[in-house]
Amino acid sequence: MEKTNAIGIIAKTGRYGGTFAHRDIAFEFAMWISPEFKVYLIREFQRLKSEEQKLIGWTAKRELSKINYHIHTDAIKNNLIPAEVTQKMASIIYAE
């Protein structure tokens, strides 16, 4: 805060007054006051990271399947369907 002249905590008196702090400062203070809150915050962070990894894993599998689909279809078109068949016959062979 000293290097950037940032304000981390603001205290106001009177009506609608109170103490306001940046979210990081508030979390640190709350973790210092309450060990239960600290444990809760850590577990919640771990749960969110776990959910994020599941989502990323699903996306990676989806992308890999998408890439493999094009490789497989191209291989079928180039190697299993003879060049002398009609388009209609090729679609039947391709579907099988």
C-alpha atoms as a PDB file:
ATOM      1  CA  MET A   1       0.000   0.000   0.000  1.00  0.00           C
ATOM      2  CA  GLU A   2       2.892   2.344   0.717  1.00  0.00           C
ATOM      3  CA  LYS A   3       4.393   1.979  -2.775  1.00  0.00           C
ATOM      4  CA  THR A   4       1.136   2.658  -4.623  1.00  0.00           C
ATOM      5  CA  ASN A   5      -0.498   5.065  -2.150  1.00  0.00           C
ATOM      6  CA  ALA A   6      -3.489   2.722  -2.056  1.00  0.00           C
ATOM      7  CA  ILE A   7      -6.046   2.847   0.709  1.00  0.00           C
ATOM      8  CA  GLY A   8      -6.684  -0.544   2.265  1.00  0.00           C
ATOM      9  CA  ILE A   9      -8.920   0.376   5.189  1.00  0.00           C
ATOM     10  CA  ILE A  10     -11.341   3.277   5.473  1.00  0.00           C
ATOM     11  CA  ALA A  11     -13.069   4.239   8.735  1.00  0.00           C
ATOM     12  CA  LYS A  12     -16.021   6.634   8.670  1.00  0.00           C
ATOM     13  CA  THR A  13     -17.950   8.015  11.608  1.00  0.00           C
ATOM     14  CA  GLY A  14     -21.537   9.113  11.853  1.00  0.00           C
ATOM     15  CA  ARG A  15     -24.593   7.882  10.046  1.00  0.00           C
ATOM     16  CA  TYR A  16     -23.790   5.186   7.460  1.00  0.00           C
ATOM     17  CA  GLY A  17     -20.287   5.067   8.855  1.00  0.00           C
ATOM     18  CA  GLY A  18     -18.221   2.021   9.596  1.00  0.00           C
ATOM     19  CA  THR A  19     -14.967   0.364   8.749  1.00  0.00           C
ATOM     20  CA  PHE A  20     -14.468  -0.726   5.187  1.00  0.00           C
ATOM     21  CA  ALA A  21     -11.544  -2.791   3.927  1.00  0.00           C
ATOM     22  CA  HIS A  22     -10.328  -4.399   0.759  1.00  0.00           C
ATOM     23  CA  ARG A  23     -11.599  -7.951   0.469  1.00  0.00           C
ATOM     24  CA  ASP A  24      -8.124  -9.498   0.953  1.00  0.00           C
ATOM     25  CA  ILE A  25      -7.569  -7.502   4.134  1.00  0.00           C
ATOM     26  CA  ALA A  26     -11.023  -8.452   5.412  1.00  0.00           C
ATOM     27  CA  PHE A  27     -10.386 -12.163   4.780  1.00  0.00           C
ATOM     28  CA  GLU A  28      -7.024 -12.017   6.518  1.00  0.00           C
ATOM     29  CA  PHE A  29      -8.548 -10.276   9.522  1.00  0.00           C
ATOM     30  CA  ALA A  30     -11.444 -12.750   9.686  1.00  0.00           C
ATOM     31  CA  MET A  31      -9.038 -15.706   9.497  1.00  0.00           C
ATOM     32  CA  TRP A  32      -7.015 -14.202  12.357  1.00  0.00           C
ATOM     33  CA  ILE A  33     -10.143 -13.725  14.486  1.00  0.00           C
ATOM     34  CA  SER A  34     -11.790 -17.084  13.740  1.00  0.00           C
ATOM     35  CA  PRO A  35      -9.872 -20.323  13.103  1.00  0.00           C
ATOM     36  CA  GLU A  36     -13.171 -21.930  12.050  1.00  0.00           C
ATOM     37  CA  PHE A  37     -13.545 -19.328   9.307  1.00  0.00           C
ATOM     38  CA  LYS A  38      -9.988 -20.016   8.155  1.00  0.00           C
ATOM     39  CA  VAL A  39     -10.673 -23.760   7.879  1.00  0.00           C
ATOM     40  CA  TYR A  40     -13.961 -23.056   6.071  1.00  0.00           C
ATOM     41  CA  LEU A  41     -12.252 -20.729   3.601  1.00  0.00           C
ATOM     42  CA  ILE A  42      -9.479 -23.229   2.877  1.00  0.00           C
ATOM     43  CA  ARG A  43     -11.946 -26.092   2.326  1.00  0.00           C
ATOM     44  CA  GLU A  44     -14.130 -23.960   0.077  1.00  0.00           C
ATOM     45  CA  PHE A  45     -11.110 -22.936  -1.995  1.00  0.00           C
ATOM     46  CA  GLN A  46     -10.074 -26.587  -2.351  1.00  0.00           C
ATOM     47  CA  ARG A  47     -13.612 -27.535  -3.404  1.00  0.00           C
ATOM     48  CA  LEU A  48     -13.705 -24.808  -6.040  1.00  0.00           C
ATOM     49  CA  LYS A  49     -10.321 -25.848  -7.430  1.00  0.00           C
ATOM     50  CA  SER A  50     -11.509 -29.453  -7.582  1.00  0.00           C
ATOM     51  CA  GLU A  51     -14.648 -28.445  -9.494  1.00  0.00           C
ATOM     52  CA  GLU A  52     -12.532 -26.352 -11.847  1.00  0.00           C
ATOM     53  CA  GLN A  53     -10.245 -29.303 -12.554  1.00  0.00           C
ATOM     54  CA  LYS A  54     -13.238 -31.530 -13.318  1.00  0.00           C
ATOM     55  CA  LEU A  55     -14.521 -28.953 -15.783  1.00  0.00           C
ATOM     56  CA  ILE A  56     -11.128 -28.573 -17.434  1.00  0.00           C
ATOM     57  CA  GLY A  57     -10.757 -32.357 -17.645  1.00  0.00           C
ATOM     58  CA  TRP A  58     -14.155 -32.641 -19.312  1.00  0.00           C
ATOM     59  CA  THR A  59     -13.278 -29.918 -21.810  1.00  0.00           C
ATOM     60  CA  ALA A  60      -9.942 -31.535 -22.632  1.00  0.00           C
ATOM     61  CA  LYS A  61     -11.615 -34.906 -23.242  1.00  0.00           C
ATOM     62  CA  ARG A  62     -14.219 -33.222 -25.433  1.00  0.00           C
ATOM     63  CA  GLU A  63     -11.551 -31.492 -27.527  1.00  0.00           C
ATOM     64  CA  LEU A  64      -9.584 -34.729 -27.883  1.00  0.00           C
ATOM     65  CA  SER A  65     -12.721 -36.562 -29.040  1.00  0.00           C
ATOM     66  CA  LYS A  66     -13.424 -33.801 -31.536  1.00  0.00           C
ATOM     67  CA  ILE A  67      -9.925 -34.065 -33.000  1.00  0.00           C
ATOM     68  CA  ASN A  68     -10.051 -37.870 -33.116  1.00  0.00           C
ATOM     69  CA  TYR A  69     -13.458 -37.754 -34.834  1.00  0.00           C
ATOM     70  CA  HIS A  70     -11.985 -35.861 -37.771  1.00  0.00           C
ATOM     71  CA  ILE A  71      -9.011 -38.226 -37.952  1.00  0.00           C
ATOM     72  CA  HIS A  72     -11.312 -41.270 -37.973  1.00  0.00           C
ATOM     73  CA  THR A  73     -13.719 -39.887 -40.567  1.00  0.00           C
ATOM     74  CA  ASP A  74     -10.879 -38.867 -42.865  1.00  0.00           C
ATOM     75  CA  ALA A  75      -9.321 -42.321 -42.525  1.00  0.00           C
ATOM     76  CA  ILE A  76     -12.627 -43.969 -43.448  1.00  0.00           C
ATOM     77  CA  LYS A  77     -13.100 -41.697 -46.456  1.00  0.00           C
ATOM     78  CA  ASN A  78      -9.563 -42.273 -47.714  1.00  0.00           C
ATOM     79  CA  ASN A  79      -9.051 -45.961 -46.959  1.00  0.00           C
ATOM     80  CA  LEU A  80     -12.358 -47.833 -46.688  1.00  0.00           C
ATOM     81  CA  ILE A  81     -14.527 -46.263 -49.387  1.00  0.00           C
ATOM     82  CA  PRO A  82     -13.486 -47.210 -52.913  1.00  0.00           C
ATOM     83  CA  ALA A  83     -13.064 -44.344 -55.368  1.00  0.00           C
ATOM     84  CA  GLU A  84     -15.373 -45.893 -57.990  1.00  0.00           C
ATOM     85  CA  VAL A  85     -18.602 -45.898 -55.920  1.00  0.00           C
ATOM     86  CA  THR A  86     -21.304 -43.261 -56.243  1.00  0.00           C
ATOM     87  CA  GLN A  87     -21.935 -40.596 -53.608  1.00  0.00           C
ATOM     88  CA  LYS A  88     -25.105 -42.351 -52.436  1.00  0.00           C
ATOM     89  CA  MET A  89     -23.314 -45.685 -52.036  1.00  0.00           C
ATOM     90  CA  ALA A  90     -20.424 -43.940 -50.298  1.00  0.00           C
ATOM     91  CA  SER A  91     -22.781 -42.456 -47.712  1.00  0.00           C
ATOM     92  CA  ILE A  92     -24.228 -45.929 -47.018  1.00  0.00           C
ATOM     93  CA  ILE A  93     -20.750 -47.440 -46.677  1.00  0.00           C
ATOM     94  CA  TYR A  94     -19.659 -44.535 -44.501  1.00  0.00           C
ATOM     95  CA  ALA A  95     -22.707 -44.910 -42.225  1.00  0.00           C
ATOM     96  CA  GLU A  96     -22.028 -48.605 -41.723  1.00  0.00           C
END
